[in-house]
N, C-alpha and C. Protein backbone atom coordinates (compact mmCIF):
# COMPACT_ATOMS: atom_id res chain seq x y z
N MET A 1 18.99 106.05 15.52
CA MET A 1 18.31 105.11 16.39
C MET A 1 17.43 104.20 15.58
N SER A 2 16.67 104.78 14.69
CA SER A 2 15.77 103.97 13.85
C SER A 2 16.55 103.07 12.92
N GLU A 3 17.77 103.51 12.55
CA GLU A 3 18.61 102.68 11.67
C GLU A 3 19.12 101.46 12.42
N SER A 4 19.51 101.63 13.67
CA SER A 4 19.96 100.51 14.51
C SER A 4 18.83 99.53 14.75
N LEU A 5 17.65 100.07 14.96
CA LEU A 5 16.46 99.22 15.18
C LEU A 5 16.17 98.39 13.94
N GLU A 6 16.33 99.05 12.83
CA GLU A 6 16.06 98.35 11.55
C GLU A 6 17.06 97.23 11.34
N LYS A 7 18.35 97.49 11.69
CA LYS A 7 19.38 96.45 11.56
C LYS A 7 19.09 95.28 12.49
N LEU A 8 18.66 95.65 13.71
CA LEU A 8 18.33 94.63 14.69
C LEU A 8 17.17 93.75 14.18
N GLN A 9 16.19 94.41 13.63
CA GLN A 9 15.03 93.68 13.08
C GLN A 9 15.45 92.75 11.94
N ASN A 10 16.32 93.30 11.10
CA ASN A 10 16.79 92.52 9.94
C ASN A 10 17.59 91.29 10.40
N ARG A 11 18.43 91.53 11.44
CA ARG A 11 19.24 90.41 11.95
C ARG A 11 18.34 89.34 12.57
N ILE A 12 17.34 89.83 13.34
CA ILE A 12 16.41 88.88 13.97
C ILE A 12 15.66 88.09 12.90
N LEU A 13 15.22 88.79 11.88
CA LEU A 13 14.51 88.13 10.77
C LEU A 13 15.42 87.14 10.05
N SER A 14 16.70 87.56 9.87
CA SER A 14 17.66 86.69 9.19
C SER A 14 17.93 85.44 10.02
N ASP A 15 18.11 85.66 11.34
CA ASP A 15 18.34 84.51 12.23
C ASP A 15 17.13 83.56 12.22
N ALA A 16 15.96 84.17 12.29
CA ALA A 16 14.72 83.37 12.30
C ALA A 16 14.59 82.58 10.99
N LYS A 17 14.92 83.25 9.89
CA LYS A 17 14.84 82.57 8.59
C LYS A 17 15.84 81.43 8.50
N HIS A 18 17.07 81.73 9.05
CA HIS A 18 18.13 80.72 9.03
C HIS A 18 17.71 79.49 9.86
N LYS A 19 17.15 79.78 11.05
CA LYS A 19 16.70 78.68 11.91
C LYS A 19 15.55 77.91 11.26
N ALA A 20 14.68 78.66 10.61
CA ALA A 20 13.54 78.02 9.92
C ALA A 20 14.05 77.13 8.80
N ASP A 21 15.05 77.63 8.06
CA ASP A 21 15.63 76.83 6.97
C ASP A 21 16.27 75.54 7.52
N GLU A 22 17.02 75.71 8.65
CA GLU A 22 17.67 74.54 9.25
C GLU A 22 16.63 73.53 9.75
N THR A 23 15.56 74.08 10.35
CA THR A 23 14.48 73.20 10.85
C THR A 23 13.83 72.45 9.69
N ILE A 24 13.61 73.18 8.60
CA ILE A 24 13.00 72.55 7.41
C ILE A 24 13.94 71.48 6.86
N LYS A 25 15.27 71.82 6.80
CA LYS A 25 16.23 70.85 6.30
C LYS A 25 16.28 69.60 7.19
N ASP A 26 16.30 69.85 8.52
CA ASP A 26 16.31 68.72 9.46
C ASP A 26 15.05 67.86 9.29
N SER A 27 13.92 68.58 9.16
CA SER A 27 12.65 67.85 8.99
C SER A 27 12.65 67.04 7.71
N GLN A 28 13.18 67.67 6.64
CA GLN A 28 13.24 66.95 5.36
C GLN A 28 14.17 65.74 5.45
N ALA A 29 15.33 65.95 6.15
CA ALA A 29 16.29 64.85 6.30
C ALA A 29 15.68 63.71 7.11
N LYS A 30 14.98 64.10 8.22
CA LYS A 30 14.34 63.08 9.05
C LYS A 30 13.23 62.37 8.29
N SER A 31 12.47 63.16 7.55
CA SER A 31 11.39 62.57 6.73
C SER A 31 11.97 61.59 5.72
N GLN A 32 13.08 62.04 5.09
CA GLN A 32 13.72 61.18 4.10
C GLN A 32 14.24 59.89 4.74
N GLN A 33 14.83 60.06 5.96
CA GLN A 33 15.34 58.88 6.68
C GLN A 33 14.21 57.93 7.07
N ILE A 34 13.11 58.51 7.58
CA ILE A 34 11.94 57.70 7.96
C ILE A 34 11.38 56.97 6.74
N LEU A 35 11.29 57.72 5.64
CA LEU A 35 10.77 57.15 4.40
C LEU A 35 11.68 56.01 3.91
N GLU A 36 13.01 56.24 4.00
CA GLU A 36 13.96 55.22 3.55
C GLU A 36 13.87 53.97 4.42
N GLU A 37 13.78 54.21 5.75
CA GLU A 37 13.66 53.08 6.67
C GLU A 37 12.36 52.30 6.43
N ALA A 38 11.28 53.04 6.16
CA ALA A 38 9.98 52.41 5.88
C ALA A 38 10.07 51.58 4.59
N LYS A 39 10.77 52.14 3.58
CA LYS A 39 10.95 51.40 2.31
C LYS A 39 11.74 50.11 2.55
N GLN A 40 12.84 50.24 3.33
CA GLN A 40 13.67 49.06 3.61
C GLN A 40 12.89 48.01 4.40
N ARG A 41 12.11 48.50 5.41
CA ARG A 41 11.30 47.57 6.20
C ARG A 41 10.25 46.87 5.33
N ALA A 42 9.63 47.66 4.46
CA ALA A 42 8.62 47.10 3.55
C ALA A 42 9.26 46.08 2.61
N GLN A 43 10.49 46.40 2.14
CA GLN A 43 11.20 45.48 1.23
C GLN A 43 11.53 44.16 1.95
N ARG A 44 12.01 44.30 3.23
CA ARG A 44 12.33 43.09 4.00
C ARG A 44 11.07 42.24 4.23
N GLU A 45 9.99 42.90 4.62
CA GLU A 45 8.73 42.18 4.86
C GLU A 45 8.25 41.51 3.58
N PHE A 46 8.39 42.25 2.45
CA PHE A 46 7.99 41.70 1.15
C PHE A 46 8.82 40.46 0.82
N GLU A 47 10.15 40.56 1.05
CA GLU A 47 11.03 39.42 0.75
C GLU A 47 10.73 38.23 1.67
N GLU A 48 10.42 38.53 2.94
CA GLU A 48 10.06 37.45 3.87
C GLU A 48 8.77 36.76 3.44
N ILE A 49 7.79 37.58 3.02
CA ILE A 49 6.50 37.02 2.55
C ILE A 49 6.72 36.15 1.31
N ILE A 50 7.56 36.66 0.38
CA ILE A 50 7.84 35.90 -0.86
C ILE A 50 8.56 34.59 -0.52
N ALA A 51 9.56 34.68 0.40
CA ALA A 51 10.31 33.47 0.79
C ALA A 51 9.38 32.44 1.43
N LYS A 52 8.51 32.92 2.33
CA LYS A 52 7.56 32.02 2.99
C LYS A 52 6.61 31.40 1.97
N ALA A 53 6.13 32.23 1.04
CA ALA A 53 5.22 31.74 0.00
C ALA A 53 5.92 30.69 -0.88
N ASN A 54 7.21 30.92 -1.18
CA ASN A 54 7.96 29.95 -1.98
C ASN A 54 8.12 28.62 -1.25
N VAL A 55 8.41 28.70 0.07
CA VAL A 55 8.54 27.48 0.88
C VAL A 55 7.22 26.71 0.89
N GLU A 56 6.11 27.45 1.11
CA GLU A 56 4.79 26.81 1.14
C GLU A 56 4.44 26.22 -0.22
N ALA A 57 4.77 26.97 -1.29
CA ALA A 57 4.49 26.48 -2.64
C ALA A 57 5.28 25.20 -2.93
N GLU A 58 6.56 25.17 -2.50
CA GLU A 58 7.39 23.99 -2.70
C GLU A 58 6.85 22.81 -1.90
N SER A 59 6.40 23.11 -0.69
CA SER A 59 5.81 22.05 0.15
C SER A 59 4.56 21.48 -0.50
N ILE A 60 3.72 22.38 -1.04
CA ILE A 60 2.49 21.93 -1.73
C ILE A 60 2.85 21.13 -2.96
N ARG A 61 3.87 21.61 -3.72
CA ARG A 61 4.29 20.90 -4.94
C ARG A 61 4.78 19.48 -4.61
N ARG A 62 5.59 19.38 -3.54
CA ARG A 62 6.09 18.06 -3.14
C ARG A 62 4.96 17.16 -2.67
N SER A 63 4.02 17.77 -1.95
CA SER A 63 2.87 17.00 -1.46
C SER A 63 2.05 16.46 -2.63
N ILE A 64 1.85 17.31 -3.66
CA ILE A 64 1.09 16.89 -4.85
C ILE A 64 1.85 15.77 -5.57
N LEU A 65 3.18 15.97 -5.73
CA LEU A 65 3.99 14.94 -6.39
C LEU A 65 3.95 13.63 -5.61
N SER A 66 4.07 13.76 -4.28
CA SER A 66 4.03 12.57 -3.42
C SER A 66 2.69 11.86 -3.55
N SER A 67 1.60 12.64 -3.60
CA SER A 67 0.26 12.05 -3.76
C SER A 67 0.15 11.33 -5.11
N LYS A 68 0.69 11.96 -6.15
CA LYS A 68 0.65 11.34 -7.48
C LYS A 68 1.46 10.05 -7.51
N VAL A 69 2.63 10.09 -6.85
CA VAL A 69 3.47 8.89 -6.77
C VAL A 69 2.73 7.78 -6.05
N ARG A 70 2.08 8.13 -4.91
CA ARG A 70 1.33 7.14 -4.15
C ARG A 70 0.19 6.56 -4.97
N VAL A 71 -0.53 7.45 -5.68
CA VAL A 71 -1.66 6.98 -6.52
C VAL A 71 -1.15 6.04 -7.61
N ASN A 72 -0.03 6.40 -8.24
CA ASN A 72 0.54 5.55 -9.29
C ASN A 72 1.00 4.21 -8.73
N ARG A 73 1.62 4.24 -7.54
CA ARG A 73 2.06 2.98 -6.92
C ARG A 73 0.87 2.09 -6.60
N LEU A 74 -0.21 2.72 -6.10
CA LEU A 74 -1.42 1.95 -5.78
C LEU A 74 -2.00 1.32 -7.05
N ARG A 75 -2.01 2.10 -8.14
CA ARG A 75 -2.54 1.56 -9.42
C ARG A 75 -1.70 0.37 -9.90
N ILE A 76 -0.38 0.53 -9.80
CA ILE A 76 0.51 -0.56 -10.21
C ILE A 76 0.28 -1.79 -9.35
N LEU A 77 0.16 -1.56 -8.02
CA LEU A 77 -0.07 -2.66 -7.08
C LEU A 77 -1.40 -3.36 -7.37
N GLU A 78 -2.44 -2.56 -7.63
CA GLU A 78 -3.76 -3.13 -7.96
C GLU A 78 -3.68 -3.97 -9.22
N GLU A 79 -2.95 -3.47 -10.22
CA GLU A 79 -2.83 -4.21 -11.48
C GLU A 79 -2.05 -5.51 -11.27
N LYS A 80 -0.99 -5.45 -10.46
CA LYS A 80 -0.23 -6.66 -10.15
C LYS A 80 -1.10 -7.68 -9.43
N ASN A 81 -1.87 -7.19 -8.46
CA ASN A 81 -2.76 -8.08 -7.71
C ASN A 81 -3.79 -8.73 -8.64
N ARG A 82 -4.29 -7.95 -9.60
CA ARG A 82 -5.27 -8.49 -10.54
C ARG A 82 -4.64 -9.59 -11.40
N ILE A 83 -3.40 -9.36 -11.83
CA ILE A 83 -2.70 -10.37 -12.63
C ILE A 83 -2.46 -11.64 -11.82
N VAL A 84 -2.03 -11.47 -10.56
CA VAL A 84 -1.80 -12.62 -9.68
C VAL A 84 -3.10 -13.39 -9.47
N GLU A 85 -4.19 -12.67 -9.22
CA GLU A 85 -5.50 -13.32 -9.02
C GLU A 85 -5.92 -14.09 -10.27
N ASP A 86 -5.68 -13.49 -11.44
CA ASP A 86 -6.02 -14.19 -12.71
C ASP A 86 -5.23 -15.49 -12.83
N ILE A 87 -3.96 -15.44 -12.45
CA ILE A 87 -3.11 -16.64 -12.52
C ILE A 87 -3.64 -17.71 -11.56
N ILE A 88 -3.97 -17.27 -10.33
CA ILE A 88 -4.48 -18.23 -9.33
C ILE A 88 -5.81 -18.83 -9.78
N HIS A 89 -6.69 -18.01 -10.36
CA HIS A 89 -7.97 -18.53 -10.87
C HIS A 89 -7.74 -19.53 -12.01
N SER A 90 -6.75 -19.22 -12.85
CA SER A 90 -6.42 -20.14 -13.94
C SER A 90 -5.92 -21.48 -13.38
N VAL A 91 -5.09 -21.41 -12.33
CA VAL A 91 -4.59 -22.63 -11.68
C VAL A 91 -5.76 -23.41 -11.08
N GLU A 92 -6.68 -22.69 -10.41
CA GLU A 92 -7.84 -23.34 -9.80
C GLU A 92 -8.71 -24.02 -10.85
N ASP A 93 -8.88 -23.37 -12.01
CA ASP A 93 -9.67 -23.98 -13.10
C ASP A 93 -9.03 -25.30 -13.56
N GLN A 94 -7.71 -25.28 -13.67
CA GLN A 94 -7.01 -26.50 -14.10
C GLN A 94 -7.11 -27.59 -13.04
N LEU A 95 -7.01 -27.21 -11.76
CA LEU A 95 -7.09 -28.19 -10.68
C LEU A 95 -8.48 -28.80 -10.58
N SER A 96 -9.51 -28.00 -10.85
CA SER A 96 -10.89 -28.51 -10.72
C SER A 96 -11.17 -29.63 -11.72
N SER A 97 -10.43 -29.66 -12.82
CA SER A 97 -10.62 -30.73 -13.79
C SER A 97 -9.45 -31.72 -13.78
N PHE A 98 -8.74 -31.77 -12.66
CA PHE A 98 -7.54 -32.61 -12.54
C PHE A 98 -7.85 -34.10 -12.64
N SER A 99 -9.10 -34.46 -12.34
CA SER A 99 -9.47 -35.89 -12.36
C SER A 99 -9.29 -36.51 -13.75
N LYS A 100 -9.21 -35.68 -14.79
CA LYS A 100 -9.01 -36.19 -16.15
C LYS A 100 -7.53 -36.42 -16.45
N SER A 101 -6.67 -35.96 -15.53
CA SER A 101 -5.24 -36.07 -15.76
C SER A 101 -4.76 -37.52 -15.58
N GLU A 102 -3.66 -37.86 -16.28
CA GLU A 102 -3.06 -39.19 -16.15
C GLU A 102 -2.47 -39.40 -14.75
N ARG A 103 -2.15 -38.32 -14.09
CA ARG A 103 -1.52 -38.41 -12.77
C ARG A 103 -2.56 -38.40 -11.66
N PHE A 104 -3.84 -38.45 -11.99
CA PHE A 104 -4.88 -38.30 -10.97
C PHE A 104 -4.77 -39.36 -9.87
N GLU A 105 -4.71 -40.65 -10.26
CA GLU A 105 -4.72 -41.71 -9.25
C GLU A 105 -3.51 -41.60 -8.32
N GLU A 106 -2.36 -41.35 -8.91
CA GLU A 106 -1.13 -41.21 -8.12
C GLU A 106 -1.25 -40.04 -7.13
N THR A 107 -1.79 -38.91 -7.61
CA THR A 107 -1.96 -37.73 -6.75
C THR A 107 -2.99 -37.99 -5.65
N ALA A 108 -4.11 -38.63 -6.00
CA ALA A 108 -5.14 -38.94 -5.01
C ALA A 108 -4.59 -39.85 -3.92
N GLN A 109 -3.81 -40.85 -4.31
CA GLN A 109 -3.19 -41.75 -3.33
C GLN A 109 -2.27 -40.96 -2.38
N ARG A 110 -1.50 -40.03 -2.96
CA ARG A 110 -0.58 -39.24 -2.14
C ARG A 110 -1.35 -38.36 -1.16
N PHE A 111 -2.45 -37.75 -1.62
CA PHE A 111 -3.29 -36.91 -0.75
C PHE A 111 -3.85 -37.73 0.41
N VAL A 112 -4.31 -38.95 0.11
CA VAL A 112 -4.88 -39.82 1.15
C VAL A 112 -3.79 -40.23 2.14
N THR A 113 -2.63 -40.61 1.63
CA THR A 113 -1.52 -41.03 2.50
C THR A 113 -1.12 -39.91 3.44
N GLU A 114 -1.00 -38.69 2.91
CA GLU A 114 -0.63 -37.53 3.74
C GLU A 114 -1.68 -37.26 4.81
N ALA A 115 -2.96 -37.31 4.42
CA ALA A 115 -4.05 -37.01 5.35
C ALA A 115 -4.13 -38.06 6.46
N VAL A 116 -3.99 -39.35 6.08
CA VAL A 116 -4.05 -40.43 7.07
C VAL A 116 -2.89 -40.29 8.07
N LYS A 117 -1.71 -39.96 7.55
CA LYS A 117 -0.55 -39.78 8.42
C LYS A 117 -0.77 -38.61 9.38
N ALA A 118 -1.44 -37.56 8.91
CA ALA A 118 -1.65 -36.37 9.74
C ALA A 118 -2.62 -36.63 10.90
N VAL A 119 -3.68 -37.44 10.66
CA VAL A 119 -4.63 -37.70 11.75
C VAL A 119 -4.12 -38.78 12.70
N ASP A 120 -3.15 -39.58 12.24
CA ASP A 120 -2.44 -40.53 13.10
C ASP A 120 -3.38 -41.46 13.88
N THR A 121 -4.15 -42.26 13.13
CA THR A 121 -5.04 -43.24 13.76
C THR A 121 -5.10 -44.49 12.88
N ASP A 122 -5.39 -45.65 13.50
CA ASP A 122 -5.52 -46.90 12.74
C ASP A 122 -6.88 -47.02 12.05
N GLN A 123 -7.81 -46.15 12.43
CA GLN A 123 -9.15 -46.21 11.86
C GLN A 123 -9.57 -44.84 11.29
N PRO A 124 -8.83 -44.36 10.33
CA PRO A 124 -9.18 -43.05 9.77
C PRO A 124 -10.44 -43.12 8.91
N VAL A 125 -11.17 -42.02 8.92
CA VAL A 125 -12.31 -41.88 7.99
C VAL A 125 -11.86 -40.86 6.95
N VAL A 126 -11.81 -41.31 5.72
CA VAL A 126 -11.29 -40.46 4.64
C VAL A 126 -12.40 -40.13 3.66
N ARG A 127 -12.69 -38.83 3.56
CA ARG A 127 -13.63 -38.36 2.53
C ARG A 127 -12.83 -37.91 1.33
N ILE A 128 -13.29 -38.33 0.17
CA ILE A 128 -12.60 -37.94 -1.05
C ILE A 128 -13.64 -37.48 -2.06
N GLY A 129 -13.35 -36.39 -2.72
CA GLY A 129 -14.30 -35.87 -3.70
C GLY A 129 -13.62 -35.02 -4.75
N PHE A 130 -13.73 -35.47 -6.00
CA PHE A 130 -13.20 -34.73 -7.14
C PHE A 130 -14.30 -34.66 -8.20
N ARG A 131 -14.18 -33.73 -9.07
CA ARG A 131 -15.18 -33.61 -10.15
C ARG A 131 -15.10 -34.82 -11.08
N ASN A 132 -16.28 -35.34 -11.42
CA ASN A 132 -16.41 -36.48 -12.36
C ASN A 132 -15.65 -37.73 -11.89
N VAL A 133 -15.64 -37.98 -10.58
CA VAL A 133 -14.97 -39.18 -10.06
C VAL A 133 -15.98 -39.97 -9.22
N SER A 134 -16.07 -41.26 -9.50
CA SER A 134 -16.95 -42.13 -8.72
C SER A 134 -16.09 -43.17 -7.99
N LYS A 135 -16.74 -44.00 -7.19
CA LYS A 135 -16.01 -44.97 -6.37
C LYS A 135 -15.21 -45.95 -7.24
N LYS A 136 -15.74 -46.29 -8.39
CA LYS A 136 -15.04 -47.26 -9.24
C LYS A 136 -13.74 -46.70 -9.80
N ASN A 137 -13.63 -45.36 -9.81
CA ASN A 137 -12.38 -44.74 -10.28
C ASN A 137 -11.31 -44.71 -9.18
N LEU A 138 -11.68 -45.14 -7.96
CA LEU A 138 -10.79 -44.96 -6.83
C LEU A 138 -10.29 -46.27 -6.23
N ASP A 139 -10.24 -47.33 -7.02
CA ASP A 139 -9.77 -48.63 -6.51
C ASP A 139 -8.35 -48.53 -5.98
N GLY A 140 -7.50 -47.82 -6.69
CA GLY A 140 -6.10 -47.69 -6.29
C GLY A 140 -5.96 -46.92 -4.99
N VAL A 141 -6.89 -45.99 -4.74
CA VAL A 141 -6.84 -45.17 -3.52
C VAL A 141 -7.13 -46.01 -2.30
N SER A 142 -8.08 -46.94 -2.42
CA SER A 142 -8.46 -47.81 -1.29
C SER A 142 -7.26 -48.60 -0.78
N LYS A 143 -6.32 -48.91 -1.66
CA LYS A 143 -5.18 -49.74 -1.30
C LYS A 143 -4.24 -49.08 -0.30
N VAL A 144 -4.22 -47.73 -0.27
CA VAL A 144 -3.28 -47.03 0.62
C VAL A 144 -3.89 -46.78 2.00
N LEU A 145 -5.16 -47.17 2.18
CA LEU A 145 -5.80 -47.00 3.49
C LEU A 145 -5.36 -48.11 4.45
N PRO A 146 -5.25 -47.82 5.75
CA PRO A 146 -4.99 -48.90 6.72
C PRO A 146 -6.19 -49.85 6.74
N LYS A 147 -6.01 -51.05 7.27
CA LYS A 147 -7.09 -52.06 7.28
C LYS A 147 -8.35 -51.55 7.98
N GLY A 148 -8.21 -50.78 9.03
CA GLY A 148 -9.39 -50.29 9.75
C GLY A 148 -9.94 -48.99 9.19
N GLY A 149 -9.38 -48.53 8.09
CA GLY A 149 -9.80 -47.24 7.52
C GLY A 149 -11.09 -47.34 6.72
N LYS A 150 -11.75 -46.18 6.58
CA LYS A 150 -13.02 -46.13 5.84
C LYS A 150 -12.92 -45.04 4.79
N LEU A 151 -13.31 -45.36 3.56
CA LEU A 151 -13.28 -44.40 2.46
C LEU A 151 -14.70 -43.96 2.12
N VAL A 152 -14.94 -42.65 2.17
CA VAL A 152 -16.25 -42.09 1.81
C VAL A 152 -16.05 -41.24 0.57
N VAL A 153 -16.78 -41.58 -0.47
CA VAL A 153 -16.64 -40.85 -1.74
C VAL A 153 -17.77 -39.84 -1.88
N ASP A 154 -17.42 -38.56 -1.97
CA ASP A 154 -18.42 -37.51 -2.19
C ASP A 154 -18.75 -37.40 -3.66
N GLU A 155 -20.00 -37.11 -3.95
CA GLU A 155 -20.41 -36.97 -5.35
C GLU A 155 -19.88 -35.66 -5.95
N LYS A 156 -19.70 -34.66 -5.11
CA LYS A 156 -19.23 -33.36 -5.59
C LYS A 156 -17.80 -33.12 -5.10
N PRO A 157 -17.06 -32.29 -5.81
CA PRO A 157 -15.68 -32.00 -5.36
C PRO A 157 -15.69 -31.28 -4.02
N ILE A 158 -14.85 -31.72 -3.09
CA ILE A 158 -14.75 -31.06 -1.78
C ILE A 158 -14.07 -29.70 -1.96
N ASP A 159 -14.63 -28.68 -1.30
CA ASP A 159 -14.09 -27.30 -1.41
C ASP A 159 -14.04 -26.81 -2.85
N ASN A 160 -14.98 -27.28 -3.66
CA ASN A 160 -15.12 -26.84 -5.07
C ASN A 160 -14.03 -27.37 -6.01
N LEU A 161 -12.79 -27.46 -5.53
CA LEU A 161 -11.69 -27.89 -6.42
C LEU A 161 -11.42 -29.38 -6.31
N GLY A 162 -11.84 -29.98 -5.21
CA GLY A 162 -11.60 -31.41 -5.02
C GLY A 162 -10.46 -31.65 -4.04
N GLY A 163 -10.46 -32.88 -3.48
CA GLY A 163 -9.39 -33.23 -2.56
C GLY A 163 -9.82 -34.25 -1.54
N VAL A 164 -9.10 -34.28 -0.43
CA VAL A 164 -9.27 -35.31 0.59
C VAL A 164 -9.36 -34.65 1.97
N VAL A 165 -10.28 -35.17 2.81
CA VAL A 165 -10.36 -34.74 4.21
C VAL A 165 -10.37 -35.99 5.06
N ALA A 166 -9.42 -36.08 6.00
CA ALA A 166 -9.33 -37.26 6.87
C ALA A 166 -9.61 -36.86 8.31
N THR A 167 -10.29 -37.75 9.04
CA THR A 167 -10.56 -37.53 10.46
C THR A 167 -10.29 -38.82 11.23
N ASP A 168 -10.19 -38.67 12.56
CA ASP A 168 -10.17 -39.87 13.39
C ASP A 168 -11.62 -40.37 13.53
N PRO A 169 -11.87 -41.55 14.10
CA PRO A 169 -13.24 -42.10 14.16
C PRO A 169 -14.23 -41.17 14.86
N GLU A 170 -13.77 -40.43 15.87
CA GLU A 170 -14.67 -39.54 16.61
C GLU A 170 -14.85 -38.18 15.93
N GLY A 171 -14.05 -37.91 14.92
CA GLY A 171 -14.15 -36.61 14.23
C GLY A 171 -13.51 -35.46 14.99
N LYS A 172 -12.66 -35.78 15.98
CA LYS A 172 -12.02 -34.73 16.77
C LYS A 172 -10.78 -34.16 16.07
N VAL A 173 -10.09 -35.04 15.36
CA VAL A 173 -8.89 -34.62 14.63
C VAL A 173 -9.23 -34.59 13.14
N VAL A 174 -9.03 -33.45 12.52
CA VAL A 174 -9.38 -33.29 11.10
C VAL A 174 -8.18 -32.75 10.35
N PHE A 175 -7.92 -33.34 9.20
CA PHE A 175 -6.86 -32.80 8.34
C PHE A 175 -7.45 -32.59 6.95
N ASN A 176 -7.45 -31.32 6.52
CA ASN A 176 -8.00 -30.96 5.21
C ASN A 176 -6.87 -30.96 4.20
N ASN A 177 -6.95 -31.87 3.25
CA ASN A 177 -5.91 -31.98 2.22
C ASN A 177 -6.51 -31.79 0.84
N THR A 178 -7.40 -30.78 0.74
CA THR A 178 -7.99 -30.47 -0.57
C THR A 178 -7.04 -29.54 -1.33
N PHE A 179 -7.29 -29.41 -2.62
CA PHE A 179 -6.48 -28.48 -3.41
C PHE A 179 -6.55 -27.06 -2.83
N LYS A 180 -7.76 -26.66 -2.42
CA LYS A 180 -7.95 -25.31 -1.90
C LYS A 180 -7.14 -25.09 -0.62
N SER A 181 -7.21 -26.05 0.30
CA SER A 181 -6.46 -25.89 1.55
C SER A 181 -4.95 -25.93 1.30
N ARG A 182 -4.52 -26.73 0.34
CA ARG A 182 -3.09 -26.78 0.02
C ARG A 182 -2.63 -25.44 -0.56
N LEU A 183 -3.47 -24.84 -1.41
CA LEU A 183 -3.13 -23.52 -1.95
C LEU A 183 -3.06 -22.49 -0.83
N GLU A 184 -3.99 -22.58 0.11
CA GLU A 184 -3.99 -21.63 1.23
C GLU A 184 -2.75 -21.80 2.10
N ARG A 185 -2.33 -23.05 2.31
CA ARG A 185 -1.13 -23.28 3.11
C ARG A 185 0.12 -22.76 2.40
N LEU A 186 0.07 -22.76 1.09
CA LEU A 186 1.23 -22.29 0.31
C LEU A 186 1.09 -20.84 -0.12
N ASP A 187 0.07 -20.16 0.43
CA ASP A 187 -0.31 -18.83 -0.05
C ASP A 187 0.87 -17.89 -0.23
N ASN A 188 1.64 -17.65 0.83
CA ASN A 188 2.75 -16.68 0.75
C ASN A 188 3.82 -17.13 -0.23
N GLN A 189 4.17 -18.43 -0.18
CA GLN A 189 5.19 -18.94 -1.11
C GLN A 189 4.71 -18.82 -2.55
N LEU A 190 3.40 -19.10 -2.74
CA LEU A 190 2.83 -19.06 -4.09
C LEU A 190 2.86 -17.63 -4.64
N LEU A 191 2.46 -16.67 -3.80
CA LEU A 191 2.45 -15.27 -4.24
C LEU A 191 3.87 -14.79 -4.55
N THR A 192 4.83 -15.21 -3.72
CA THR A 192 6.23 -14.84 -3.96
C THR A 192 6.73 -15.43 -5.28
N LEU A 193 6.38 -16.70 -5.50
CA LEU A 193 6.80 -17.38 -6.73
C LEU A 193 6.20 -16.70 -7.96
N ILE A 194 4.90 -16.41 -7.91
CA ILE A 194 4.22 -15.74 -9.05
C ILE A 194 4.84 -14.37 -9.30
N SER A 195 5.05 -13.61 -8.22
CA SER A 195 5.62 -12.26 -8.36
C SER A 195 7.02 -12.30 -8.96
N SER A 196 7.85 -13.25 -8.48
CA SER A 196 9.22 -13.32 -9.00
C SER A 196 9.23 -13.80 -10.45
N THR A 197 8.31 -14.70 -10.80
CA THR A 197 8.27 -15.23 -12.16
C THR A 197 7.71 -14.22 -13.15
N VAL A 198 6.60 -13.56 -12.76
CA VAL A 198 5.91 -12.65 -13.68
C VAL A 198 6.54 -11.25 -13.70
N PHE A 199 6.86 -10.73 -12.47
CA PHE A 199 7.32 -9.35 -12.38
C PHE A 199 8.82 -9.22 -12.13
N GLY A 200 9.51 -10.37 -11.94
CA GLY A 200 10.94 -10.33 -11.68
C GLY A 200 11.28 -9.71 -10.34
N GLU A 201 10.39 -9.84 -9.35
CA GLU A 201 10.62 -9.24 -8.03
C GLU A 201 11.17 -10.25 -7.06
């Protein structure tokens, strides 16, 4: 009887041990699976973070390059504008002393003729003023005025560079034909011409 009991106890212990071993194995397998899944999830998250960081880094890099390109373009544009302004100032300096040119009288007559035609009156009042020019230097200019016209000679150059301003007798119609106003009227064409000549644009 005691021998049968002992066998029964041994079998129960063996079964219990076997079940315990299986439970431990299952637990280890599940733990290993959980650990593996956690590693894979962590790897995916890591790769996603790296990919996102790379995209952001590339975006920042492009933004920096774009900013540098813009800054360089602005510098080039500023330098071109400075060169154009220097050329225009040089032209203005030459125009301010145009009264010494051999073509002065012919040019002054043309300016007066254009201005008188623009105000369209038989009694125009024409102001003329160039550097170092007096009334005695303008005999030829008086000849292109209509009979009822009046010539007023300014002691100083009009608009700093010199030129002609014509009005009707009441002063309601005014036409500015000074060098400065002519440059302003030609502004866009002049800038295009300078740019194409100097920069080949």
